[in-house]
Protein backbone atom coordinates (compact mmCIF):
# COMPACT_ATOMS: atom_id res chain seq x y z
CA MET A 1 107.49 114.17 88.50
CA GLN A 2 104.02 115.73 88.45
CA VAL A 3 102.78 118.57 90.63
CA LEU A 4 99.06 119.28 90.54
CA ASN A 5 98.24 122.80 89.45
CA ASN A 6 97.68 124.51 92.80
CA PRO A 7 99.91 125.90 95.60
CA LEU A 8 101.75 123.24 97.63
CA ALA A 9 100.17 120.42 95.68
CA ILE A 10 100.81 116.76 96.45
CA VAL A 11 103.56 115.34 94.24
CA LYS A 12 102.87 112.31 92.06
CA THR A 13 105.21 110.31 89.86
CA ASN A 14 105.14 110.41 86.07
CA THR A 15 103.31 107.07 86.23
CA ASP A 16 100.49 108.70 88.25
CA GLU A 17 101.35 107.19 91.65
CA TRP A 18 101.70 108.94 94.99
CA TYR A 19 105.31 109.98 95.53
CA PHE A 20 106.19 107.77 98.52
CA PRO A 21 109.97 107.22 98.50
CA SER A 22 111.38 103.95 99.79
CA ARG A 23 114.86 102.61 100.47
CA LEU A 24 115.65 98.90 100.39
CA ILE A 25 118.71 97.96 102.45
CA TYR A 26 120.74 94.89 101.50
CA ARG A 27 123.54 93.05 103.23
CA ILE A 28 126.02 92.11 100.49
CA ALA A 29 129.19 90.08 100.09
CA SER A 30 130.84 92.93 98.17
CA ALA A 31 129.96 95.59 95.62
CA ALA A 32 131.93 93.72 92.94
CA SER A 33 130.00 90.48 93.54
CA VAL A 34 126.73 92.40 93.09
CA LEU A 35 127.75 94.45 90.08
CA LYS A 36 129.10 91.51 88.10
CA PRO A 37 125.62 89.96 87.54
CA LEU A 38 123.74 93.30 87.65
CA GLU A 39 125.74 94.87 84.86
CA LYS A 40 124.86 91.93 82.60
CA LEU A 41 121.20 92.96 82.74
CA ASN A 42 119.85 95.10 79.92
CA CYS A 43 117.70 97.06 82.37
CA VAL A 44 120.65 98.28 84.49
CA TYR A 45 122.75 101.29 83.51
CA LYS A 46 125.62 103.10 85.17
CA HIS A 47 124.63 106.71 85.86
CA PRO A 48 126.76 108.91 83.58
CA GLY A 49 127.41 111.56 86.24
CA LYS A 50 127.08 109.83 89.61
CA GLU A 51 128.43 106.76 91.39
CA CYS A 52 125.16 104.84 91.18
CA TRP A 53 123.31 102.46 88.87
CA LEU A 54 119.81 102.90 87.42
CA ILE A 55 117.23 100.13 87.09
CA VAL A 56 114.95 101.00 84.20
CA CYS A 57 111.55 99.47 83.35
CA THR A 58 112.74 97.64 80.24
CA HIS A 59 113.88 94.11 79.31
CA GLU A 60 114.27 92.00 82.49
CA ALA A 61 112.51 94.53 84.74
CA LEU A 62 109.60 94.83 82.32
CA ALA A 63 109.23 91.05 82.07
CA ILE A 64 109.21 90.37 85.81
CA HIS A 65 106.00 92.27 86.64
CA PRO A 66 102.60 93.00 85.00
CA TRP A 67 103.17 96.76 84.87
CA ASN A 68 100.11 98.93 84.38
CA GLU A 69 99.40 101.18 81.41
CA PRO A 70 101.42 104.30 82.40
CA TYR A 71 104.60 102.19 82.42
CA ARG A 72 103.77 100.45 79.14
CA LYS A 73 102.91 103.79 77.54
CA ALA A 74 106.35 105.08 78.53
CA ILE A 75 107.92 102.03 76.85
CA ARG A 76 105.93 102.63 73.66
CA GLN A 77 107.08 106.25 73.65
CA GLN A 78 110.67 105.08 74.17
CA ALA A 79 110.86 106.96 77.46
CA PRO A 80 111.27 104.13 79.98
CA ILE A 81 110.88 104.88 83.67
CA THR A 82 113.73 104.53 86.17
CA ILE A 83 112.19 102.35 88.88
CA GLY A 84 115.22 102.12 91.16
CA THR A 85 118.62 103.66 91.92
CA VAL A 86 121.38 101.50 93.38
CA ASN A 87 124.39 102.65 95.38
CA PHE A 88 126.86 101.21 97.86
CA PRO A 89 127.25 103.26 101.07
CA ASN A 90 129.93 100.88 102.37
CA PRO A 91 131.63 97.65 101.17
CA ARG A 92 129.02 95.38 102.81
CA ALA A 93 125.81 97.29 102.07
CA MET A 94 123.66 98.14 99.07
CA HIS A 95 120.86 100.70 99.04
CA VAL A 96 118.09 100.68 96.43
CA TYR A 97 115.95 103.82 96.23
CA THR A 98 112.56 104.09 94.57
CA ARG A 99 109.79 106.69 94.31
CA ALA A 100 106.58 104.68 94.68
CA PHE A 101 105.35 101.77 96.82
CA ARG A 102 104.23 99.84 93.74
CA ARG A 103 107.79 99.62 92.43
CA VAL A 104 109.12 97.93 95.57
CA VAL A 105 108.01 94.31 94.97
CA PRO A 106 109.15 94.25 91.31
CA LEU A 107 112.56 95.50 92.45
CA LEU A 108 112.74 92.87 95.20
CA ASN A 109 111.79 90.15 92.70
CA LEU A 110 114.27 91.35 90.09
CA LEU A 111 117.19 91.46 92.52
CA ASP A 112 116.23 88.17 94.16
CA LYS A 113 116.11 86.48 90.75
CA HIS A 114 119.48 87.71 89.51
CA LEU A 115 121.51 87.97 92.75
CA PRO A 116 122.12 84.86 94.89
CA ARG A 117 121.06 85.44 98.48
CA THR A 118 124.61 84.60 99.56
CA VAL A 119 125.65 87.68 97.56
CA ALA A 120 122.78 90.07 98.42
CA LEU A 121 119.97 89.72 100.94
CA GLY A 122 117.43 92.42 101.72
CA THR A 123 117.24 93.15 105.44
CA HIS A 124 115.26 96.38 105.89
CA HIS A 125 112.81 98.65 104.13
CA ASP A 126 112.83 102.38 104.93
CA ILE A 127 109.47 104.02 104.20
CA CYS A 128 108.43 107.66 103.89
CA TYR A 129 104.90 108.10 105.28
CA LYS A 130 104.75 111.78 104.42
CA LEU A 131 103.06 112.95 101.25
CA ILE A 132 105.45 115.42 99.62
CA THR A 133 103.93 118.80 98.73
CA THR A 134 105.54 121.54 96.65
CA SER A 135 104.69 124.33 94.27
CA ASN A 136 107.78 123.64 92.15
CA PRO A 137 108.65 120.15 90.88
CA GLY A 138 112.28 121.22 90.62
CA GLU A 139 112.37 121.57 94.41
CA CYS A 140 111.05 118.08 95.13
CA PRO A 141 113.49 116.15 97.35
CA THR A 142 114.91 112.94 95.96
CA PRO A 143 114.58 109.64 97.87
CA GLU A 144 118.31 109.91 98.61
CA ASP A 145 117.71 113.34 100.20
CA ILE A 146 114.79 112.11 102.26
CA PHE A 147 116.67 109.19 103.83
CA ALA A 148 120.03 110.96 104.16
CA ASP A 149 119.79 111.49 107.94
CA GLU A 150 119.69 108.14 109.77
CA ASN A 151 118.70 109.90 113.00
CA LYS A 152 115.34 110.85 111.49
CA ILE A 153 114.35 107.25 110.72
CA HIS A 154 112.27 105.66 113.47
CA TYR A 155 113.16 102.07 114.33
CA SER A 156 111.93 100.45 117.52
CA GLU A 157 114.35 99.19 120.17
CA ASN A 158 112.79 95.72 120.06
CA LEU A 159 113.59 95.37 116.37
CA ARG A 160 117.11 96.75 116.90
CA LEU A 161 117.71 94.01 119.48
CA ILE A 162 116.38 91.37 117.09
CA ASP A 163 118.81 92.60 114.43
CA GLN A 164 121.71 92.38 116.89
CA MET A 165 120.78 88.86 117.98
CA GLU A 166 120.42 87.66 114.39
CA GLU A 167 123.81 89.08 113.48
CA GLU A 168 125.44 87.46 116.52
CA ALA A 169 123.76 84.16 115.67
CA ARG A 170 124.98 84.42 112.07
CA GLN A 171 128.56 84.94 113.24
CA SER A 172 128.70 82.63 116.27
CA GLY A 173 126.08 79.96 115.57
CA GLN A 174 124.26 80.61 118.87
CA ASP A 175 120.50 80.07 118.99
CA TYR A 176 118.57 83.21 119.97
CA SER A 177 115.20 82.08 118.59
CA LYS A 178 113.40 82.11 121.98
CA GLN A 179 114.62 85.62 122.85
CA ILE A 180 113.72 86.84 119.36
CA ASN A 181 110.19 85.42 119.63
CA VAL A 182 109.71 87.28 122.94
CA LEU A 183 110.87 90.55 121.37
CA PHE A 184 108.54 90.10 118.39
CA TYR A 185 105.67 89.54 120.82
CA LYS A 186 106.56 92.69 122.75
CA GLU A 187 106.87 94.70 119.54
CA PHE A 188 103.36 93.87 118.34
CA GLN A 189 101.52 93.63 121.69
CA ASP A 190 102.91 96.58 123.66
CA THR A 191 100.33 99.38 123.56
CA THR A 192 101.92 101.63 126.17
CA CYS A 193 104.64 103.27 124.07
CA PRO A 194 103.44 106.30 122.06
CA ARG A 195 106.32 105.89 119.59
CA GLN A 196 104.84 102.57 118.54
CA ARG A 197 101.32 103.93 118.17
CA PHE A 198 101.77 107.01 115.99
CA VAL A 199 103.01 106.76 112.44
CA GLN A 200 106.31 108.60 112.03
CA ASP A 201 107.32 110.44 108.84
CA LEU A 202 110.19 107.99 108.27
CA GLU A 203 110.12 104.42 109.55
CA ARG A 204 112.30 101.33 109.14
CA LYS A 205 110.72 97.90 108.68
CA ARG A 206 112.24 94.44 108.48
CA LEU A 207 112.06 92.65 105.13
CA GLU A 208 111.62 89.04 106.21
CA SER A 209 107.94 89.06 105.18
CA PHE A 210 108.97 89.20 101.52
CA TYR A 211 111.29 86.21 101.82
CA ILE A 212 109.11 84.11 104.14
CA GLU A 213 105.55 84.90 103.05
CA GLY A 214 106.19 85.84 99.43
CA GLU A 215 105.53 88.70 97.05
CA ASP A 216 101.72 88.62 97.23
CA GLU A 217 101.72 89.08 101.00
CA TYR A 218 104.34 91.82 100.83
CA SER A 219 102.32 93.58 98.11
CA ARG A 220 99.30 93.55 100.45
CA ILE A 221 101.46 94.94 103.24
CA LEU A 222 102.62 97.78 100.99
CA GLN A 223 99.08 98.59 99.88
CA MET A 224 98.20 98.97 103.55
CA GLN A 225 101.26 101.18 104.14
CA GLU A 226 100.17 103.45 101.29
CA THR A 227 96.67 103.68 102.75
CA LEU A 228 98.19 104.44 106.16
CA ALA A 229 100.35 107.22 104.69
CA VAL A 230 97.40 108.86 102.89
CA ALA A 231 95.29 108.60 106.06
CA LYS A 232 98.11 110.24 108.02
CA HIS A 233 98.15 113.13 105.56
CA LEU A 234 94.36 113.56 105.75
CA ALA A 235 94.57 113.46 109.55
CA GLY A 236 96.89 116.46 109.55
CA GLY A 237 100.12 114.51 109.91
CA LYS A 238 99.30 112.61 113.12
CA LEU A 239 97.68 109.18 113.01
CA ASP A 240 97.19 106.50 115.66
CA SER A 241 98.01 103.39 113.68
CA ARG A 242 96.48 100.94 116.15
CA ASN A 243 93.18 102.79 116.10
CA PHE A 244 93.38 102.89 112.30
CA PHE A 245 93.79 99.12 112.02
CA GLU A 246 91.15 98.44 114.67
CA GLN A 247 88.65 100.49 112.67
CA LEU A 248 89.57 98.60 109.50
CA ILE A 249 88.97 95.29 111.26
CA ILE A 250 85.67 96.46 112.79
CA ASN A 251 84.44 97.70 109.41
CA HIS A 252 85.83 94.82 107.35
CA GLY A 253 83.20 93.67 104.89
CA LYS A 254 81.01 96.74 105.30
CA SER A 255 80.18 98.80 102.25
CA SER A 256 83.08 101.04 101.24
CA MET A 257 84.40 102.67 104.35
CA ASN A 258 86.97 105.05 102.89
CA ILE A 259 89.79 106.92 104.63
CA GLU A 260 87.69 110.05 105.21
CA ASP A 261 85.03 107.88 106.94
CA PHE A 262 87.70 106.38 109.16
CA LEU A 263 88.98 109.78 110.20
CA LYS A 264 85.46 110.84 111.20
CA THR A 265 85.14 107.77 113.44
CA SER A 266 88.50 108.58 115.06
CA GLU A 267 87.67 112.15 116.08
């Protein structure tokens, strides 16, 4: 980890990215069915002191993504970067933690390539929208620390209901598609609920965009989430996301409206 040389500096990763921890949540058949193919990969190692597995940017992980120069420099120096940490909080769930938005899609691709979706399917993506600041890199919280308290992760009631309906449909075969479409409409059209307007420090998103629309679309979504998180920091920790996106749409195509310009228009 890097800490810029001033009090309470913003933390960046060793690959010069903003430190924005993420957690990918998977529904799995069993830990054994996941570990059997994972442990065959040369990029996956059992942690020597903890009950978790490390995904390192070598071999299969290196080949699956056009990593930029900081990652390739680490390979040349024989100091490969850990891009993900895997653990199993219960027999039917897998969590994958990472420290930067740009590592998320390569991890999703790697796991989707080597784990059948009947064995492991990503369902949710927990995102930290708070830039971490510290004067001591040794005090920087890990992604596992940041997402340890489920009660601090914001997840809208509409999406919770969709999850419940999908699980019931999976188990019973009932068709809830009409009710789910209504809830999706409410989730993205309702402008009356402040919880849906202001970006929270920790939020949970659904992962179907990656599986339905593909990696390019999900990469674009994550780029926007990173921009949103930086804008939130520059706005003093409180950002109206709908106003943010409206301003982006209004100024689309205009010459270089940056985040600072947006914040001036929002005052």
